[in-house]
Protein backbone atom coordinates (compact mmCIF):
# COMPACT_ATOMS: atom_id res chain seq x y z
CA MET A 1 105.57 141.05 147.60
CA GLY A 2 108.65 139.87 145.74
CA ARG A 3 112.11 141.31 145.84
CA GLY A 4 113.87 143.54 143.35
CA LEU A 5 117.37 144.02 142.06
CA PHE A 6 118.69 146.76 139.79
CA ILE A 7 121.60 145.94 137.48
CA THR A 8 123.74 148.88 136.40
CA GLY A 9 127.09 149.09 134.67
CA THR A 10 130.17 151.21 135.17
CA ASP A 11 129.78 152.09 131.49
CA THR A 12 127.98 150.94 128.37
CA GLY A 13 129.12 147.67 126.80
CA VAL A 14 130.21 145.96 130.04
CA GLY A 15 127.77 143.08 129.51
CA LYS A 16 124.81 144.00 131.74
CA THR A 17 122.32 142.11 129.59
CA PHE A 18 124.44 138.94 129.55
CA VAL A 19 124.83 139.08 133.33
CA THR A 20 121.15 139.89 133.92
CA ALA A 21 120.09 136.96 131.73
CA GLY A 22 122.46 134.65 133.61
CA ILE A 23 121.00 135.72 136.95
CA LEU A 24 117.45 135.18 135.66
CA ARG A 25 118.24 131.67 134.40
CA SER A 26 119.96 130.72 137.63
CA LEU A 27 117.15 132.03 139.84
CA ASN A 28 114.62 130.09 137.79
CA ALA A 29 116.73 126.93 137.94
CA MET A 30 116.79 127.29 141.73
CA GLY A 31 113.00 127.43 141.89
CA TYR A 32 112.41 131.19 142.05
CA ARG A 33 109.98 132.89 139.68
CA SER A 34 111.95 135.82 138.31
CA CYS A 35 110.97 138.44 135.76
CA PRO A 36 113.10 141.03 133.94
CA MET A 37 112.38 144.69 133.37
CA LYS A 38 114.17 147.01 130.96
CA PRO A 39 112.62 150.46 131.54
CA ALA A 40 114.04 152.01 128.38
CA GLU A 41 115.97 150.58 125.45
CA THR A 42 117.52 152.66 122.68
CA GLY A 43 119.07 151.78 119.35
CA CYS A 44 116.17 149.47 118.49
CA ALA A 45 115.85 148.09 114.96
CA THR A 46 112.56 148.42 113.09
CA ARG A 47 110.81 145.29 111.80
CA GLY A 48 107.38 145.34 110.24
CA GLY A 49 106.95 148.91 111.38
CA LEU A 50 107.63 148.02 115.02
CA LEU A 51 110.64 148.77 117.18
CA VAL A 52 112.40 145.62 118.38
CA PRO A 53 114.17 145.87 121.77
CA ALA A 54 116.87 143.21 121.39
CA ASP A 55 118.08 143.30 125.01
CA ALA A 56 114.60 143.18 126.52
CA LEU A 57 113.73 140.21 124.29
CA LYS A 58 116.89 138.37 125.39
CA LEU A 59 115.95 138.93 129.02
CA LEU A 60 112.37 137.80 128.47
CA GLU A 61 113.63 134.66 126.73
CA ALA A 62 116.01 133.95 129.61
CA SER A 63 113.14 134.26 132.09
CA GLY A 64 110.97 131.75 130.20
CA LEU A 65 107.92 133.95 130.84
CA ASN A 66 105.10 135.16 128.60
CA GLU A 67 104.89 138.55 130.28
CA PRO A 68 103.79 141.24 127.76
CA LEU A 69 106.76 143.00 126.19
CA ASP A 70 105.24 146.42 126.90
CA THR A 71 105.26 145.60 130.61
CA VAL A 72 108.85 144.38 130.59
CA ASN A 73 110.03 147.20 128.32
CA PRO A 74 107.68 150.22 128.52
CA TYR A 75 109.90 152.51 126.44
CA ARG A 76 111.91 151.78 123.29
CA PHE A 77 113.51 154.14 120.79
CA ARG A 78 115.30 154.10 117.44
CA HIS A 79 118.38 156.19 118.09
CA ALA A 80 121.37 154.72 119.94
CA LEU A 81 121.56 157.60 122.40
CA ALA A 82 120.78 158.15 126.06
CA PRO A 83 117.03 157.53 126.59
CA SER A 84 116.36 161.25 127.18
CA ALA A 85 117.98 162.26 123.88
CA SER A 86 116.47 159.36 121.94
CA ALA A 87 112.99 160.07 123.31
CA GLU A 88 113.32 163.72 122.32
CA LYS A 89 114.20 162.75 118.75
CA ASP A 90 111.11 160.50 118.65
CA ASN A 91 108.92 163.22 120.20
CA ALA A 92 108.16 160.90 123.12
CA VAL A 93 107.78 161.59 126.83
CA ILE A 94 109.11 159.18 129.46
CA SER A 95 107.18 158.92 132.73
CA LYS A 96 108.94 157.68 135.86
CA LYS A 97 105.52 157.01 137.39
CA LYS A 98 104.72 154.56 134.60
CA ILE A 99 108.05 152.75 135.09
CA ILE A 100 107.70 152.52 138.87
CA ALA A 101 104.06 151.39 138.61
CA GLY A 102 105.09 148.64 136.20
CA TYR A 103 107.88 147.55 138.51
CA ASN A 104 105.57 147.40 141.52
CA MET A 105 103.04 145.36 139.53
CA LEU A 106 105.73 142.82 138.59
CA ARG A 107 106.94 142.60 142.19
CA LYS A 108 103.48 141.46 143.23
CA LYS A 109 103.60 138.58 140.73
CA TYR A 110 107.18 137.29 140.98
CA ASP A 111 109.74 136.28 143.59
CA PHE A 112 112.34 138.51 141.94
CA THR A 113 112.09 141.38 139.48
CA ILE A 114 115.47 142.12 137.89
CA VAL A 115 115.66 145.62 136.41
CA GLU A 116 118.40 146.45 133.93
CA GLY A 117 119.38 150.05 133.32
CA SER A 118 120.87 151.71 130.25
CA GLY A 119 124.61 152.33 130.42
CA GLY A 120 125.67 153.66 133.82
CA MET A 121 123.73 155.30 136.63
CA MET A 122 124.43 158.86 135.53
CA VAL A 123 122.77 158.38 132.14
CA PRO A 124 119.73 160.70 131.81
CA LEU A 125 116.38 158.92 131.54
CA TYR A 126 114.51 162.13 130.72
CA LYS A 127 115.55 165.77 130.93
CA LYS A 128 117.79 166.01 134.05
CA TYR A 129 116.32 162.90 135.68
CA LEU A 130 119.07 160.25 135.78
CA PHE A 131 118.97 156.48 136.27
CA ILE A 132 120.47 157.03 139.72
CA ASP A 133 117.32 159.04 140.53
CA LEU A 134 115.13 156.21 139.27
CA ILE A 135 116.99 153.64 141.40
CA LYS A 136 116.55 155.89 144.44
CA ASP A 137 112.84 156.45 143.73
CA MET A 138 112.27 152.72 143.16
CA ASP A 139 113.95 152.03 146.51
CA ILE A 140 115.69 149.02 144.99
CA PRO A 141 119.09 147.49 145.88
CA LEU A 142 121.86 147.69 143.31
CA ILE A 143 124.34 145.34 141.66
CA ILE A 144 127.17 146.87 139.62
CA VAL A 145 128.59 145.11 136.54
CA ALA A 146 132.16 146.16 135.76
CA ARG A 147 135.00 145.29 133.42
CA PRO A 148 137.76 143.18 134.98
CA GLY A 149 140.82 144.95 133.55
CA LEU A 150 142.75 148.20 133.63
CA GLY A 151 140.62 151.24 134.46
CA THR A 152 137.88 149.39 136.27
CA ILE A 153 138.96 150.49 139.76
CA ASN A 154 138.29 154.15 138.98
CA HIS A 155 134.95 153.50 137.25
CA THR A 156 133.75 151.08 139.90
CA LEU A 157 134.73 153.20 142.89
CA LEU A 158 133.05 156.25 141.34
CA THR A 159 129.86 154.24 140.78
CA LEU A 160 129.94 152.90 144.34
CA LYS A 161 130.43 156.38 145.78
CA ALA A 162 127.70 157.96 143.67
CA ALA A 163 125.21 155.27 144.71
CA ARG A 164 126.03 155.40 148.39
CA ASP A 165 126.04 159.20 148.49
CA VAL A 166 122.31 159.18 147.72
CA GLY A 167 121.53 156.25 150.02
CA ILE A 168 121.28 153.42 147.50
CA ASN A 169 121.97 149.98 148.97
CA VAL A 170 124.74 148.32 146.94
CA ILE A 171 124.73 144.52 147.22
CA GLY A 172 128.01 144.08 145.37
CA VAL A 173 130.01 144.03 142.15
CA ILE A 174 130.18 141.47 139.35
CA LEU A 175 133.29 141.51 137.15
CA ASN A 176 132.40 140.43 133.64
CA HIS A 177 134.86 139.34 130.92
CA SER A 178 132.60 140.49 128.10
CA MET A 179 135.34 140.32 125.48
CA LYS A 180 138.01 137.78 124.68
CA ALA A 181 141.24 139.58 125.42
CA ALA A 182 144.66 138.96 126.86
CA LYS A 183 144.67 139.45 130.61
CA ASP A 184 146.56 142.47 131.85
CA ALA A 185 148.31 142.44 135.20
CA SER A 186 145.48 144.36 136.88
CA VAL A 187 142.91 141.59 136.37
CA SER A 188 144.23 139.58 139.30
CA SER A 189 144.63 142.54 141.67
CA ASN A 190 141.48 144.53 140.83
CA PRO A 191 138.97 142.41 142.81
CA ASN A 192 140.88 142.88 146.07
CA MET A 193 141.37 146.59 145.36
CA ILE A 194 137.64 147.10 144.79
CA ARG A 195 136.80 144.98 147.82
CA SER A 196 139.17 146.76 150.20
CA ILE A 197 138.96 150.37 148.98
CA GLY A 198 135.33 150.31 147.89
CA LYS A 199 134.20 148.14 150.81
CA ALA A 200 132.10 146.16 148.35
CA ASP A 201 131.47 142.45 148.00
CA ILE A 202 132.69 140.86 144.77
CA LEU A 203 129.71 138.65 143.98
CA GLY A 204 131.54 136.81 141.23
CA GLU A 205 133.70 136.98 138.14
CA VAL A 206 132.12 135.90 134.85
CA PRO A 207 134.62 134.34 132.40
CA PHE A 208 134.42 134.96 128.68
CA ALA A 209 132.46 132.18 127.00
CA ALA A 210 130.72 131.77 123.68
CA LYS A 211 127.83 129.77 125.14
CA ALA A 212 125.65 131.51 127.70
CA GLU A 213 124.21 128.24 128.98
CA SER A 214 127.39 126.18 129.19
CA VAL A 215 128.14 124.12 132.30
CA LEU A 216 130.76 126.67 133.32
CA MET A 217 128.31 129.56 133.01
CA LYS A 218 125.59 127.75 134.92
CA LYS A 219 128.02 127.08 137.77
CA THR A 220 129.31 130.66 137.69
CA PHE A 221 125.87 132.23 137.89
CA ARG A 222 124.66 129.77 140.51
CA ASN A 223 127.54 130.91 142.72
CA ILE A 224 126.71 134.56 141.98
CA VAL A 225 123.05 134.05 142.86
CA ASN A 226 123.99 132.22 146.06
CA ASN A 227 126.11 135.23 147.02
CA ILE A 228 123.18 137.53 146.28
CA LEU A 229 120.83 135.40 148.36
CA LEU A 230 123.24 135.54 151.28
CA ASN A 231 122.31 139.20 151.35
CA ARG A 232 118.57 138.43 151.45
CA GLU A 233 117.71 141.29 153.77
CA SER A 234 119.16 143.71 151.23
CA CYS A 235 116.89 142.37 148.46
CA THR A 236 113.78 144.09 149.76
CA GLY A 237 113.46 146.96 147.31
C-alpha cells in the first residue's frame, strides 16, 4: 500500500496546483511512482460538450501517467464556486464514499497519491461536509501551501489549529511566491514566526518563476520532497 499526502491552501489562489505538480515531478524524478487526485474541480470550461478540469489535467501531465481522468478527478463542475454550491447548480450529488474508494484504489497502485483540495480546508464539499472532514475521513497527512507575505501568519496559524484540533497530522508548510511582487518586510520574518508559534516545519519556499521545470524549480522541489521524506512515518495515510 502506497502513501498519501493531501495538499491544502490557506486560501484560494495560493498556488496549490503549481506546488502539487512540482512535488509529483520531483517524486517521479527520484524513482517513486506518484499519482495525483483532484476530488472536485469547479469553474471548468466546456469543450465539445465536455467539462475540462484544467488543474486535474495539469497534475496528470506532471505525473506522466495514463490514469483515467475520471479516476483522478471524479467530480467536475461549471460554476467557479465551492464544490457544494457548484454541484447544486448542476443538480449533481457528491459522494465521499466514491472519493475515498478512488483514493484507496490509487494507493494500491502507486508509491504516492497526492490529493489536492479546493481552496482551503473549510470549503464545503457537499452540504455541511467540509474538506477538513474529508481529510479526516481519508486519514491522510496534510501539507499546507501558504502565501509568503503580509497576512500569511494569521491564515496559516488558523489552518494549522483547525487541522490539529480534529487530529489531522500536519507534515509542514510550503510558502509559495505565486505572483511576482515586491517583497514586503514580513517575507523574511514569516517563516520563523510560523515555525515557532505554529510549531510547524517549513518544508520549503518556492520562488516565483515563469518556467515550472527550470533548474531552480527542480532543485527547489527536490529539497521540498527530501524534507517530506524525512517525515516518512507521517506519510502513512
